[in-house]
Structures are given as C-alpha cells and as structure tokens.
N, C-alpha and C. Protein backbone atom coordinates (compact mmCIF):
# COMPACT_ATOMS: atom_id res chain seq x y z
N UNK A 1 -9.37 -11.24 14.40
CA UNK A 1 -8.22 -10.72 13.92
C UNK A 1 -7.81 -9.84 14.77
N UNK A 2 -5.87 -9.44 15.11
CA UNK A 2 -5.45 -8.44 15.88
C UNK A 2 -5.46 -7.20 15.61
N UNK A 3 -5.16 -5.69 15.86
CA UNK A 3 -4.94 -4.43 15.21
C UNK A 3 -3.33 -4.43 14.53
N UNK A 4 -4.48 -4.14 13.33
CA UNK A 4 -2.25 -3.56 12.70
C UNK A 4 -2.52 -2.35 12.25
N UNK A 5 -1.09 -2.04 12.64
CA UNK A 5 -1.12 -0.53 12.21
C UNK A 5 -0.02 -0.54 11.41
N UNK A 6 -0.52 0.15 9.95
CA UNK A 6 0.27 0.07 8.49
C UNK A 6 1.12 1.76 8.74
N UNK A 7 2.42 0.84 8.56
CA UNK A 7 3.94 2.13 8.73
C UNK A 7 4.40 1.98 7.52
N UNK A 8 5.11 2.88 7.20
CA UNK A 8 5.91 3.12 5.70
C UNK A 8 6.83 1.63 5.49
N UNK A 9 7.01 1.28 6.24
CA UNK A 9 8.21 0.26 6.36
C UNK A 9 7.57 -1.53 5.60
N UNK A 10 5.94 -1.28 5.59
CA UNK A 10 5.94 -2.22 5.41
C UNK A 10 5.69 -2.79 3.47
N UNK A 11 6.53 -4.02 3.00
CA UNK A 11 5.94 -4.79 2.52
C UNK A 11 4.74 -4.69 1.29
N UNK A 12 4.60 -4.43 0.36
CA UNK A 12 3.71 -4.44 -0.50
C UNK A 12 3.76 -6.05 -0.62
N UNK A 13 4.12 -6.60 -0.10
CA UNK A 13 4.01 -8.47 -0.53
C UNK A 13 3.17 -8.49 0.72
N UNK A 14 3.32 -7.99 1.87
CA UNK A 14 2.65 -8.42 3.67
C UNK A 14 1.57 -7.29 3.08
N UNK A 15 1.58 -6.64 2.20
CA UNK A 15 0.01 -5.00 2.50
C UNK A 15 -0.36 -5.93 1.51
N UNK A 16 -0.53 -6.85 0.68
CA UNK A 16 -1.24 -7.87 -0.13
C UNK A 16 -1.68 -8.65 0.89
N UNK A 17 -0.99 -9.29 0.99
CA UNK A 17 -1.11 -10.63 2.20
C UNK A 17 -2.58 -9.97 2.52
N UNK A 18 -2.37 -9.07 3.63
CA UNK A 18 -2.91 -8.26 4.63
C UNK A 18 -4.08 -8.06 4.36
N UNK A 19 -4.24 -7.24 3.26
CA UNK A 19 -5.77 -6.25 2.07
C UNK A 19 -5.89 -6.42 0.90
N UNK A 20 -5.69 -7.37 0.57
CA UNK A 20 -5.38 -7.61 -1.33
C UNK A 20 -6.42 -5.92 -1.60
N UNK A 21 -7.62 -5.65 -0.96
CA UNK A 21 -8.22 -4.88 -1.47
C UNK A 21 -7.47 -3.35 -1.64
N UNK A 22 -5.83 -3.33 -1.23
CA UNK A 22 -4.67 -2.45 -0.90
C UNK A 22 -4.27 -1.99 -2.16
N UNK A 23 -4.52 -2.81 -3.10
CA UNK A 23 -3.91 -3.15 -3.92
C UNK A 23 -4.86 -2.09 -5.52
N UNK A 24 -5.75 -2.06 -5.36
CA UNK A 24 -6.49 -0.62 -5.92
C UNK A 24 -6.58 0.90 -5.14
N UNK A 25 -5.98 0.77 -4.46
CA UNK A 25 -5.43 1.67 -3.27
C UNK A 25 -4.70 2.49 -3.98
N UNK A 26 -3.49 1.40 -4.32
CA UNK A 26 -2.19 1.75 -4.44
C UNK A 26 -1.95 2.20 -5.73
N UNK A 27 -3.61 1.63 -6.78
CA UNK A 27 -3.35 2.29 -7.95
C UNK A 27 -3.20 3.31 -8.24
N UNK A 28 -3.48 4.13 -7.35
CA UNK A 28 -4.18 5.82 -7.46
C UNK A 28 -3.17 6.69 -7.17
N UNK A 29 -1.64 6.23 -6.12
CA UNK A 29 -0.73 6.28 -5.91
C UNK A 29 0.31 5.83 -6.57
N UNK A 30 0.19 5.60 -7.76
CA UNK A 30 1.56 4.85 -8.57
C UNK A 30 2.15 3.70 -8.74
N UNK A 31 0.99 3.09 -8.16
CA UNK A 31 1.55 1.17 -8.24
C UNK A 31 0.91 1.13 -10.12
N UNK A 32 0.11 2.02 -10.40
CA UNK A 32 -0.50 0.98 -12.08
C UNK A 32 0.92 1.66 -12.65
N UNK A 33 1.73 2.61 -12.44
CA UNK A 33 3.09 2.82 -12.40
C UNK A 33 3.71 0.83 -13.72
N UNK A 34 3.90 0.63 -11.91
CA UNK A 34 4.83 -0.29 -11.47
C UNK A 34 4.09 -1.52 -12.95
N UNK A 35 2.94 -1.47 -12.72
CA UNK A 35 2.12 -2.75 -13.26
C UNK A 35 2.51 -2.54 -15.00
N UNK A 36 2.54 -1.40 -15.33
CA UNK A 36 2.08 -1.22 -17.05
C UNK A 36 3.15 -1.52 -17.59
N UNK A 37 4.52 -1.48 -16.64
CA UNK A 37 6.12 -1.77 -16.67
C UNK A 37 6.37 -3.46 -16.78
N UNK A 38 5.07 -3.55 -16.02
CA UNK A 38 5.25 -5.38 -15.84
C UNK A 38 6.55 -6.00 -14.98
N UNK A 39 7.02 -5.24 -14.18
CA UNK A 39 7.80 -4.97 -12.98
C UNK A 39 7.36 -5.93 -11.27
N UNK A 40 6.55 -5.83 -11.57
CA UNK A 40 4.96 -6.08 -10.08
C UNK A 40 6.07 -7.81 -9.83
N UNK A 41 6.20 -8.77 -10.54
CA UNK A 41 6.43 -9.76 -9.83
C UNK A 41 8.11 -9.42 -8.96
N UNK A 42 8.79 -8.52 -9.81
CA UNK A 42 9.74 -8.79 -9.79
C UNK A 42 9.81 -7.65 -8.13
N UNK A 43 9.58 -6.41 -7.93
CA UNK A 43 9.32 -5.47 -6.64
C UNK A 43 8.39 -6.32 -5.97
N UNK A 44 7.59 -6.47 -5.68
CA UNK A 44 6.64 -7.11 -4.66
C UNK A 44 7.17 -6.76 -3.24
N UNK A 45 8.26 -7.68 -3.86
CA UNK A 45 8.38 -8.87 -2.41
C UNK A 45 9.86 -7.93 -1.93
N UNK A 46 10.11 -6.76 -2.11
CA UNK A 46 10.91 -5.45 -1.94
C UNK A 46 10.99 -4.37 -1.83
N UNK A 47 10.05 -3.95 -2.02
CA UNK A 47 9.26 -2.84 -2.28
C UNK A 47 9.08 -2.28 -1.39
N UNK A 48 9.05 -1.29 -0.33
CA UNK A 48 7.82 -1.25 0.67
C UNK A 48 7.14 0.49 0.78
N UNK A 49 5.96 0.45 1.06
CA UNK A 49 5.22 1.20 0.63
C UNK A 49 5.94 3.25 0.39
N UNK A 50 6.91 3.28 0.79
CA UNK A 50 7.98 4.33 1.50
C UNK A 50 8.07 4.17 -0.13
N UNK A 51 8.83 3.15 -0.39
CA UNK A 51 9.79 3.23 -1.66
C UNK A 51 8.91 3.38 -2.83
N UNK A 52 7.33 2.77 -2.10
CA UNK A 52 6.25 3.16 -3.72
C UNK A 52 6.53 4.37 -4.08
N UNK A 53 6.03 5.24 -2.94
CA UNK A 53 6.42 6.98 -2.86
C UNK A 53 6.96 7.73 -3.50
N UNK A 54 8.91 6.81 -2.81
CA UNK A 54 9.63 7.38 -3.50
C UNK A 54 9.78 7.50 -5.28
N UNK A 55 9.44 6.40 -5.52
CA UNK A 55 9.82 5.94 -7.34
C UNK A 55 8.36 6.44 -7.18
N UNK A 56 7.67 7.07 -7.37
CA UNK A 56 6.52 7.54 -7.47
C UNK A 56 6.24 9.07 -7.82
N UNK A 57 7.39 9.40 -6.87
CA UNK A 57 7.23 10.85 -7.02
C UNK A 57 6.16 11.56 -6.18
N UNK A 58 5.95 10.82 -5.67
CA UNK A 58 4.46 11.12 -4.31
C UNK A 58 4.96 11.45 -3.23
N UNK A 59 6.17 11.22 -2.99
CA UNK A 59 6.75 11.88 -1.51
C UNK A 59 6.90 12.66 -0.37
N UNK A 60 5.44 13.02 0.09
CA UNK A 60 5.72 13.70 0.54
C UNK A 60 4.51 13.88 1.91
N UNK A 61 4.79 14.40 2.94
CA UNK A 61 3.95 14.23 3.99
C UNK A 61 2.82 14.07 4.07
N UNK A 62 1.76 14.81 2.72
CA UNK A 62 0.44 14.65 3.36
C UNK A 62 0.19 13.43 2.50
N UNK A 63 0.96 13.42 1.22
CA UNK A 63 0.72 12.44 0.24
C UNK A 63 0.64 10.61 1.38
N UNK A 64 1.55 10.83 2.56
CA UNK A 64 2.06 10.01 2.79
C UNK A 64 0.69 9.40 4.00
N UNK A 65 0.32 10.27 4.66
CA UNK A 65 -1.19 10.64 5.66
C UNK A 65 -2.30 10.00 4.95
N UNK A 66 -2.17 10.76 3.47
CA UNK A 66 -3.80 10.12 2.54
C UNK A 66 -3.78 8.44 2.44
N UNK A 67 -2.13 8.76 2.26
CA UNK A 67 -2.59 6.83 1.73
C UNK A 67 -2.56 5.72 2.70
N UNK A 68 -1.91 6.35 4.02
CA UNK A 68 -1.80 5.47 5.04
C UNK A 68 -3.94 5.51 5.46
N UNK A 69 -4.06 6.43 5.94
CA UNK A 69 -6.12 6.74 6.26
C UNK A 69 -6.26 5.97 5.53
N UNK A 70 -6.01 5.56 4.15
CA UNK A 70 -7.22 4.59 3.53
C UNK A 70 -7.41 3.11 3.44
N UNK A 71 -5.65 3.46 3.35
CA UNK A 71 -5.45 1.51 3.87
C UNK A 71 -6.05 1.08 5.56
N UNK A 72 -5.79 1.87 6.12
CA UNK A 72 -6.19 1.71 7.58
C UNK A 72 -7.52 1.43 7.37
N UNK A 73 -8.53 2.61 7.22
CA UNK A 73 -9.91 2.48 6.33
C UNK A 73 -9.84 1.27 5.96
N UNK A 74 -9.31 0.62 5.31
CA UNK A 74 -9.88 -0.42 4.59
C UNK A 74 -9.81 -1.54 5.69
N UNK A 75 -8.74 -1.78 6.71
CA UNK A 75 -8.50 -2.48 7.96
C UNK A 75 -9.71 -2.64 9.07
N UNK A 76 -10.17 -1.25 9.44
CA UNK A 76 -11.27 -1.08 10.06
C UNK A 76 -12.18 -1.29 9.68
N UNK A 77 -13.09 -1.71 8.49
CA UNK A 77 -14.13 -1.89 7.62
C UNK A 77 -14.10 -3.62 7.52
N UNK A 78 -12.94 -4.08 7.75
CA UNK A 78 -12.95 -5.21 7.42
C UNK A 78 -13.11 -6.12 8.56
N UNK A 79 -12.60 -5.40 10.17
CA UNK A 79 -12.49 -5.34 11.44
C UNK A 79 -14.39 -5.78 11.24
N UNK A 80 -15.22 -4.35 10.78
CA UNK A 80 -16.35 -4.16 11.43
C UNK A 80 -16.55 -5.51 10.64
N UNK A 81 -16.70 -5.79 9.46
CA UNK A 81 -17.45 -6.77 8.67
C UNK A 81 -17.69 -8.16 9.57
N UNK A 82 -16.67 -8.49 10.55
CA UNK A 82 -16.07 -9.85 11.63
C UNK A 82 -16.62 -9.82 11.86
C-alpha cells in the first residue's frame, strides 16, 4: 500500500473505497444527516469532503483539521496492521 494524503477534494466515493472505516468518522461530522435523508446514493460520487463540511455547516478550519487527522490516523493504523 502506498502513502496516501487525504485532501479536501477527495470524493466521498473514493474515500470510502480506500477507507470504509471513514464512513463512521464522517457520521460524527454530518454524514449521518445524508443517510437519514436517504440521499447517500445520489451524492456519494459527486460530494467531496469539503462539500460535506459546507453542507453540514462545519466548514471551519479547526473542523477540517480534526477530520483530516482522524481519517489520516485510520490510514496510518491500516498501514501498521499490514
């Protein structure tokens, strides 16, 4: 597995393919609302991480930094387990 840097432009579909565990992390950052509205299948291949944060009114630098750290930690843990 190669080193991956998570950016704000990654589409949720790509992110979930790389790290299925990130779906649980995103639920704490507003993704649960997309699931409850039953629009997940419609937006997953068009919505980026930044777009998700904007939709959920969490579009602040601290929220972004915390979210990317959580996802990057998932990736690092995956690398360690290999």
